[in-house]
C-alpha atoms as a PDB file:
ATOM      1  CA  MET A   1      -0.236   0.022   0.367  1.00  0.00           C
ATOM      2  CA  VAL A   2       0.459   3.823  -0.847  1.00  0.00           C
ATOM      3  CA  ASP A   3       0.011   6.473   0.791  1.00  0.00           C
ATOM      4  CA  LYS A   4      -0.658  10.033  -1.209  1.00  0.00           C
ATOM      5  CA  CYS A   5       2.361  11.097  -0.485  1.00  0.00           C
ATOM      6  CA  GLY A   6       4.396   8.300  -2.517  1.00  0.00           C
ATOM      7  CA  GLY A   7       5.769   6.946   0.574  1.00  0.00           C
ATOM      8  CA  SER A   8       4.970   3.160   1.756  1.00  0.00           C
ATOM      9  CA  LEU A   9       2.575   2.250   4.665  1.00  0.00           C
ATOM     10  CA  SER A  10       4.073  -1.634   5.160  1.00  0.00           C
ATOM     11  CA  GLY A  11       4.854  -1.665   8.636  1.00  0.00           C
ATOM     12  CA  HIS A  12       7.731   0.738   9.642  1.00  0.00           C
ATOM     13  CA  HIS A  13       7.770   1.684  12.863  1.00  0.00           C
ATOM     14  CA  HIS A  14       9.854   5.449  12.326  1.00  0.00           C
ATOM     15  CA  TYR A  15       7.708   8.232  10.928  1.00  0.00           C
ATOM     16  CA  ALA A  16       8.913  11.052   8.166  1.00  0.00           C
ATOM     17  CA  LYS A  17       7.410  14.513   8.663  1.00  0.00           C
ATOM     18  CA  LEU A  18       7.973  17.529   5.803  1.00  0.00           C
ATOM     19  CA  SER A  19       5.581  20.115   5.044  1.00  0.00           C
ATOM     20  CA  ILE A  20       6.487  23.574   2.444  1.00  0.00           C
ATOM     21  CA  ASN A  21       4.954  26.392   2.252  1.00  0.00           C
ATOM     22  CA  ILE A  22       5.572  27.317  -2.116  1.00  0.00           C
ATOM     23  CA  GLY A  23       2.786  30.147  -2.338  1.00  0.00           C
ATOM     24  CA  TYR A  24      -0.491  29.786  -0.682  1.00  0.00           C
ATOM     25  CA  VAL A  25       0.138  25.970  -2.127  1.00  0.00           C
ATOM     26  CA  LEU A  26       0.879  23.705   1.355  1.00  0.00           C
ATOM     27  CA  VAL A  27       2.484  20.291   0.690  1.00  0.00           C
ATOM     28  CA  GLU A  28       2.734  18.251   3.925  1.00  0.00           C
ATOM     29  CA  CYS A  29       4.402  14.341   3.688  1.00  0.00           C
ATOM     30  CA  GLN A  30       4.376  12.037   6.130  1.00  0.00           C
ATOM     31  CA  ASN A  31       5.511   8.667   5.669  1.00  0.00           C
ATOM     32  CA  MET A  32       6.195   6.065   7.492  1.00  0.00           C
ATOM     33  CA  GLY A  33       9.994   5.136   7.384  1.00  0.00           C
ATOM     34  CA  ASN A  34      12.724   6.941   5.702  1.00  0.00           C
ATOM     35  CA  ILE A  35      12.167   9.396   3.650  1.00  0.00           C
ATOM     36  CA  LYS A  36      12.062   8.617   0.349  1.00  0.00           C
ATOM     37  CA  THR A  37      14.528   9.930  -2.096  1.00  0.00           C
ATOM     38  CA  ARG A  38      11.713  10.962  -4.123  1.00  0.00           C
ATOM     39  CA  MET A  39      10.602  13.438  -1.547  1.00  0.00           C
ATOM     40  CA  ILE A  40      13.659  15.560  -1.178  1.00  0.00           C
ATOM     41  CA  LYS A  41      14.073  15.570  -4.977  1.00  0.00           C
ATOM     42  CA  ARG A  42      10.508  17.065  -5.457  1.00  0.00           C
ATOM     43  CA  THR A  43      10.997  19.618  -2.551  1.00  0.00           C
ATOM     44  CA  ALA A  44      14.865  20.328  -3.285  1.00  0.00           C
ATOM     45  CA  LEU A  45      13.171  21.269  -7.211  1.00  0.00           C
ATOM     46  CA  GLN A  46      10.063  23.747  -5.687  1.00  0.00           C
ATOM     47  CA  LEU A  47      12.559  25.783  -3.738  1.00  0.00           C
ATOM     48  CA  VAL A  48      14.516  25.855  -6.544  1.00  0.00           C
ATOM     49  CA  ASP A  49      11.920  26.922  -9.587  1.00  0.00           C
ATOM     50  CA  SER A  50       9.661  28.697  -6.838  1.00  0.00           C
ATOM     51  CA  TYR A  51      12.931  31.146  -5.357  1.00  0.00           C
ATOM     52  CA  PRO A  52      16.099  30.708  -7.732  1.00  0.00           C
ATOM     53  CA  GLU A  53      17.549  34.056  -7.100  1.00  0.00           C
ATOM     54  CA  LEU A  54      17.379  33.328  -2.850  1.00  0.00           C
ATOM     55  CA  PHE A  55      20.170  29.736  -3.436  1.00  0.00           C
ATOM     56  CA  SER A  56      23.265  29.828  -4.617  1.00  0.00           C
ATOM     57  CA  LYS A  57      26.200  27.754  -4.423  1.00  0.00           C
ATOM     58  CA  ASP A  58      27.350  27.510  -0.756  1.00  0.00           C
ATOM     59  CA  PHE A  59      25.478  24.754   1.244  1.00  0.00           C
ATOM     60  CA  ALA A  60      25.336  26.812   5.090  1.00  0.00           C
ATOM     61  CA  ALA A  61      23.384  29.723   3.393  1.00  0.00           C
ATOM     62  CA  ASN A  62      20.786  27.346   1.604  1.00  0.00           C
ATOM     63  CA  LYS A  63      20.145  25.382   4.553  1.00  0.00           C
ATOM     64  CA  LYS A  64      19.183  28.592   6.892  1.00  0.00           C
ATOM     65  CA  ILE A  65      17.051  29.764   4.257  1.00  0.00           C
ATOM     66  CA  VAL A  66      15.613  26.244   3.664  1.00  0.00           C
ATOM     67  CA  SER A  67      15.091  26.028   6.754  1.00  0.00           C
ATOM     68  CA  GLN A  68      13.113  28.827   6.666  1.00  0.00           C
ATOM     69  CA  LEU A  69      10.879  27.423   3.913  1.00  0.00           C
ATOM     70  CA  ILE A  70       9.965  24.637   5.007  1.00  0.00           C
ATOM     71  CA  GLN A  71       9.012  22.759   8.272  1.00  0.00           C
ATOM     72  CA  ALA A  72      11.157  19.491   9.015  1.00  0.00           C
ATOM     73  CA  ASP A  73      11.227  16.732  11.345  1.00  0.00           C
ATOM     74  CA  SER A  74      14.768  16.519  11.748  1.00  0.00           C
ATOM     75  CA  ASP A  75      18.206  18.350  10.726  1.00  0.00           C
ATOM     76  CA  LYS A  76      18.242  14.789   8.719  1.00  0.00           C
ATOM     77  CA  THR A  77      15.992  15.761   6.430  1.00  0.00           C
ATOM     78  CA  LEU A  78      16.611  19.627   6.632  1.00  0.00           C
ATOM     79  CA  ASN A  79      20.520  18.402   5.070  1.00  0.00           C
ATOM     80  CA  LYS A  80      19.041  16.628   2.217  1.00  0.00           C
ATOM     81  CA  VAL A  81      16.841  19.035   0.940  1.00  0.00           C
ATOM     82  CA  ALA A  82      19.295  22.114   0.845  1.00  0.00           C
ATOM     83  CA  GLY A  83      22.180  19.227  -0.272  1.00  0.00           C
ATOM     84  CA  TYR A  84      19.867  19.115  -3.236  1.00  0.00           C
ATOM     85  CA  VAL A  85      19.096  22.058  -3.358  1.00  0.00           C
ATOM     86  CA  THR A  86      22.418  23.164  -3.603  1.00  0.00           C
ATOM     87  CA  ARG A  87      23.848  20.774  -6.217  1.00  0.00           C
ATOM     88  CA  LEU A  88      20.886  21.526  -8.337  1.00  0.00           C
ATOM     89  CA  VAL A  89      22.074  25.280  -8.484  1.00  0.00           C
ATOM     90  CA  ARG A  90      25.802  23.857  -9.215  1.00  0.00           C
ATOM     91  CA  ARG A  91      24.353  22.472 -12.479  1.00  0.00           C
ATOM     92  CA  LYS A  92      22.626  25.368 -13.133  1.00  0.00           C
ATOM     93  CA  GLU A  93      25.426  27.173 -13.093  1.00  0.00           C
ATOM     94  CA  ARG A  94      27.972  24.846 -14.819  1.00  0.00           C
ATOM     95  CA  GLU A  95      24.901  24.595 -17.623  1.00  0.00           C
ATOM     96  CA  LYS A  96      25.633  27.715 -18.141  1.00  0.00           C
ATOM     97  CA  GLU A  97      29.737  27.787 -17.942  1.00  0.00           C
ATOM     98  CA  THR A  98      29.560  25.071 -20.704  1.00  0.00           C
ATOM     99  CA  PRO A  99      29.334  25.778 -24.615  1.00  0.00           C
ATOM    100  CA  VAL A 100      27.022  23.855 -26.147  1.00  0.00           C
ATOM    101  CA  GLU A 101      28.809  22.443 -29.261  1.00  0.00           C
ATOM    102  CA  VAL A 102      26.674  20.475 -32.199  1.00  0.00           C
END
């Protein structure tokens, strides 16, 4: 069985909760077990798409911004989201610098 956020409901004992408020839409996912990678990636992508000017290649600065924008149940969750945000920003900057060869 799968919940609405893509997590398994197969009898795990640990809960992970992540809330993100972008504009007037509040997405809240509560999964049993470990937080799924796709939820971390989806949250990071939503943040970067919604607030591209806020984020940089610096993980520590991104972590502070992410902690203000989302509510997570643990520092580990915040670190994962901030880390993926940093990775996305670095990837976008690298794509801008690299000329496309035809």
